[in-house]
Structure formats: structure tokens, C-alpha cells
Amino acid sequence: MIMRPGQQLLLPANPVFIWTSLIAALLLDMLPLGRQAWMPDFLAMALVFWSVHQPLRVGVGAAFVFGLAMDVHQAGLLGQHALSYTVLSYFAITIHRRLLWFSVPAQALQVLPLFMAAHAIALLLRLIGGGLFPGWSLLLAPLLEALLWPVASVLLLAPQRRAPNPDENRPL
């Protein structure tokens, strides 16, 4: 792949780090903080990030399994998060080549509609299943997720940015 000028060459992603970060995001979403409608979905952010950066390792199947885990945890409609995470991961994989050409703030604008669609699917399924409308603060969650995208990019790409053997004679 041709790189943009000034783009840093990254090391290969460690599969253990990928899956550890996804499990950490799942556990972060499962914290008993009193789930509010405006709170960002950290697992959705991690799934989109790894679906964009490592589409062969994290895909629709992983999104489905993590979605089922969230559905079981929240004791809600089984398949609600699974469907929204699956759609989210599918569209992230669809745009992953184009998305990587943008800067990180521009990527945040590109993934905002994905997060909005995932929350809309979850809301629609919740309402069809007889749940209550959580309020208009639900519109803040996709915005917060898009605002946290640069932070997630810095944190999740940090292990790939370090030099394998730093040497003053080797520029890479």
C-alpha cells in the first residue's frame, strides 16, 4: 500500500494486544456505573478501530460474539447489540481502505455516521421489543465516541509505533 507523505511506518499488530484491548473495552462497558444513554460505547469504538486497522483479524464474527456478550450482560433483548455491532463492523470494514487515507480528526468525522447508525439500530430494536425511549441524551453518545476517536487511535496504535530495535544508524 502506498503511504501518505509523513505517515509513520507501523510494526505489525500483536494479536494478543488486539484481543486484550477488545476484552478491556467490553469490561469497561460492563462497569457498574449506572449505564446512561449519553455514555459512549467503548466496545463499539474498539470494534470499529480494529475492524478498520486489522480487518482480517477482527471482523463481523467477533462483533457478533461481543454483541451477544453485551446483550447477556445487560439482560436486554438478545441480539440487539449483536446486530448493531455486526452492522457497525461490516460498514467499518467496507470503508477501511478509504478511511486510512484521512487524518485522525477527519477519520472521526467519517466514523460518526457509523456510530449514529449503530445507536439508531439498537434504539429501534429496543423500541420494537417494548422498551422505553431513553431520552434525547442518546444523541450525545455517537458524538462522544467520534470525539474519543483520536484518543483511541493514539492509545491503540501506541505499541505499533515503538521502534523494534532503536538504532541511530537505522532511520526506520
Protein backbone atom coordinates (compact mmCIF):
# COMPACT_ATOMS: atom_id res chain seq x y z
CA MET A 1 0.00 0.00 0.00
CA ILE A 2 1.28 3.46 -0.85
CA MET A 3 1.68 5.59 2.26
CA ARG A 4 0.85 9.26 2.65
CA PRO A 5 3.83 11.61 2.98
CA GLY A 6 4.86 11.89 6.62
CA GLN A 7 2.95 8.79 7.69
CA GLN A 8 4.86 6.63 10.14
CA LEU A 9 5.63 3.02 9.27
CA LEU A 10 3.93 0.83 11.88
CA LEU A 11 5.01 -2.50 13.31
CA PRO A 12 2.63 -5.46 12.89
CA ALA A 13 -0.19 -5.54 15.39
CA ASN A 14 0.17 -8.10 18.16
CA PRO A 15 -2.94 -10.35 18.20
CA VAL A 16 -2.73 -10.63 21.99
CA PHE A 17 -2.89 -6.83 22.28
CA ILE A 18 -5.84 -6.65 19.87
CA TRP A 19 -7.94 -9.16 21.78
CA THR A 20 -6.85 -7.78 25.17
CA SER A 21 -7.96 -4.30 24.14
CA LEU A 22 -11.33 -5.64 22.95
CA ILE A 23 -11.87 -7.53 26.22
CA ALA A 24 -10.80 -4.43 28.19
CA ALA A 25 -13.35 -2.36 26.25
CA LEU A 26 -16.01 -4.99 26.99
CA LEU A 27 -15.15 -4.88 30.70
CA LEU A 28 -15.17 -1.07 30.63
CA ASP A 29 -18.70 -1.15 29.20
CA MET A 30 -19.70 -3.64 31.90
CA LEU A 31 -18.59 -1.45 34.80
CA PRO A 32 -21.49 -0.85 37.19
CA LEU A 33 -21.55 2.91 36.74
CA GLY A 34 -25.26 3.12 36.10
CA ARG A 35 -25.47 2.96 32.32
CA GLN A 36 -26.74 6.25 30.94
CA ALA A 37 -27.94 6.86 27.39
CA TRP A 38 -25.29 9.52 26.72
CA MET A 39 -22.32 7.35 27.74
CA PRO A 40 -20.05 6.28 24.88
CA ASP A 41 -19.86 2.63 23.93
CA PHE A 42 -16.18 1.79 24.30
CA LEU A 43 -16.60 -1.68 22.83
CA ALA A 44 -18.15 -0.23 19.67
CA MET A 45 -15.22 2.15 19.35
CA ALA A 46 -12.68 -0.64 19.78
CA LEU A 47 -14.52 -2.87 17.30
CA VAL A 48 -14.59 -0.13 14.68
CA PHE A 49 -10.94 0.71 15.29
CA TRP A 50 -9.72 -2.85 14.90
CA SER A 51 -12.12 -3.54 12.02
CA VAL A 52 -10.52 -0.60 10.20
CA HIS A 53 -6.90 -1.34 11.11
CA GLN A 54 -6.98 -5.16 11.19
CA PRO A 55 -10.00 -6.33 9.14
CA LEU A 56 -8.65 -9.86 8.72
CA ARG A 57 -8.34 -10.41 12.48
CA VAL A 58 -11.37 -8.57 13.83
CA GLY A 59 -14.47 -8.84 11.72
CA VAL A 60 -18.17 -9.35 11.72
CA GLY A 61 -17.96 -12.64 13.65
CA ALA A 62 -16.06 -11.08 16.53
CA ALA A 63 -18.52 -8.18 16.58
CA PHE A 64 -21.42 -10.64 16.79
CA VAL A 65 -19.87 -12.57 19.71
CA PHE A 66 -19.05 -9.40 21.64
CA GLY A 67 -22.56 -8.12 20.92
CA LEU A 68 -24.07 -11.28 22.38
CA ALA A 69 -21.88 -10.84 25.46
CA MET A 70 -23.23 -7.28 25.90
CA ASP A 71 -26.80 -8.50 25.39
CA VAL A 72 -26.39 -11.16 28.07
CA HIS A 73 -24.76 -8.68 30.44
CA GLN A 74 -27.49 -6.06 30.08
CA ALA A 75 -30.27 -8.68 30.21
CA GLY A 76 -31.99 -6.97 27.34
CA LEU A 77 -33.29 -8.11 24.01
CA LEU A 78 -30.98 -10.90 22.85
CA GLY A 79 -29.39 -9.84 19.58
CA GLN A 80 -29.82 -6.09 19.98
CA HIS A 81 -26.13 -5.29 20.47
CA ALA A 82 -25.11 -8.23 18.30
CA LEU A 83 -26.96 -6.80 15.30
CA SER A 84 -25.78 -3.24 15.85
CA TYR A 85 -22.13 -4.29 16.36
CA THR A 86 -22.30 -6.57 13.31
CA VAL A 87 -23.62 -3.79 11.09
CA LEU A 88 -21.07 -1.41 12.59
CA SER A 89 -18.20 -3.79 11.91
CA TYR A 90 -19.41 -4.56 8.39
CA PHE A 91 -19.53 -0.90 7.38
CA ALA A 92 -16.19 -0.22 9.09
CA ILE A 93 -14.58 -2.99 7.04
CA THR A 94 -16.29 -1.63 3.93
CA ILE A 95 -14.70 1.81 4.31
CA HIS A 96 -11.40 0.79 5.92
CA ARG A 97 -9.17 1.42 2.88
CA ARG A 98 -10.63 4.86 2.26
CA LEU A 99 -10.67 5.80 5.93
CA LEU A 100 -6.95 5.22 6.45
CA TRP A 101 -6.10 7.93 3.90
CA PHE A 102 -7.61 10.61 6.12
CA SER A 103 -6.01 12.27 9.12
CA VAL A 104 -7.23 11.13 12.53
CA PRO A 105 -9.60 14.12 13.09
CA ALA A 106 -11.06 13.58 9.62
CA GLN A 107 -11.45 9.88 10.43
CA ALA A 108 -13.53 10.89 13.44
CA LEU A 109 -15.93 12.70 11.13
CA GLN A 110 -16.04 9.67 8.84
CA VAL A 111 -16.93 7.21 11.61
CA LEU A 112 -19.57 9.47 13.19
CA PRO A 113 -22.33 8.21 10.83
CA LEU A 114 -21.33 4.62 11.66
CA PHE A 115 -21.75 5.25 15.38
CA MET A 116 -25.03 7.05 14.78
CA ALA A 117 -26.36 4.14 12.70
CA ALA A 118 -25.34 1.60 15.37
CA HIS A 119 -27.13 3.56 18.09
CA ALA A 120 -30.18 4.00 15.84
CA ILE A 121 -30.36 0.24 15.20
CA ALA A 122 -30.07 -0.53 18.92
CA LEU A 123 -32.73 2.07 19.74
CA LEU A 124 -35.08 0.79 17.05
CA LEU A 125 -34.76 -2.79 18.28
CA ARG A 126 -35.26 -1.67 21.88
CA LEU A 127 -38.44 0.19 20.95
CA ILE A 128 -39.77 -2.71 18.85
CA GLY A 129 -39.12 -5.03 21.80
CA GLY A 130 -41.29 -2.87 24.05
CA GLY A 131 -38.55 -0.87 25.77
CA LEU A 132 -38.78 2.76 26.73
CA PHE A 133 -37.23 5.66 24.85
CA PRO A 134 -34.08 6.56 26.82
CA GLY A 135 -34.32 10.27 26.07
CA TRP A 136 -32.70 12.71 23.71
CA SER A 137 -29.40 12.45 25.54
CA LEU A 138 -28.89 9.32 23.42
CA LEU A 139 -27.76 11.66 20.62
CA LEU A 140 -24.67 12.58 22.66
CA ALA A 141 -23.22 9.05 22.66
CA PRO A 142 -22.20 8.94 18.96
CA LEU A 143 -20.77 12.45 19.23
CA LEU A 144 -18.70 11.48 22.27
CA GLU A 145 -17.50 8.34 20.51
CA ALA A 146 -16.39 10.40 17.50
CA LEU A 147 -14.65 12.88 19.81
CA LEU A 148 -12.85 10.00 21.55
CA TRP A 149 -11.68 8.52 18.23
CA PRO A 150 -8.32 10.42 18.26
CA VAL A 151 -7.68 9.26 21.83
CA ALA A 152 -8.45 5.66 20.87
CA SER A 153 -6.17 5.95 17.84
CA VAL A 154 -3.25 7.16 19.95
CA LEU A 155 -3.76 4.52 22.65
CA LEU A 156 -4.38 1.53 20.39
CA LEU A 157 -1.62 2.32 17.89
CA ALA A 158 0.99 3.09 20.58
CA PRO A 159 2.50 -0.44 20.69
CA GLN A 160 2.95 -0.41 16.92
CA ARG A 161 4.73 2.95 16.88
CA ARG A 162 7.71 1.97 19.02
CA ALA A 163 10.93 1.07 17.31
CA PRO A 164 11.77 -2.67 17.45
CA ASN A 165 15.50 -2.02 17.91
CA PRO A 166 16.25 1.67 18.18
CA ASP A 167 19.48 2.44 16.41
CA GLU A 168 20.89 5.79 15.37
CA ASN A 169 22.13 4.31 12.08
CA ARG A 170 18.72 2.98 11.03
CA PRO A 171 16.05 5.57 10.21
CA LEU A 172 13.19 3.05 10.36
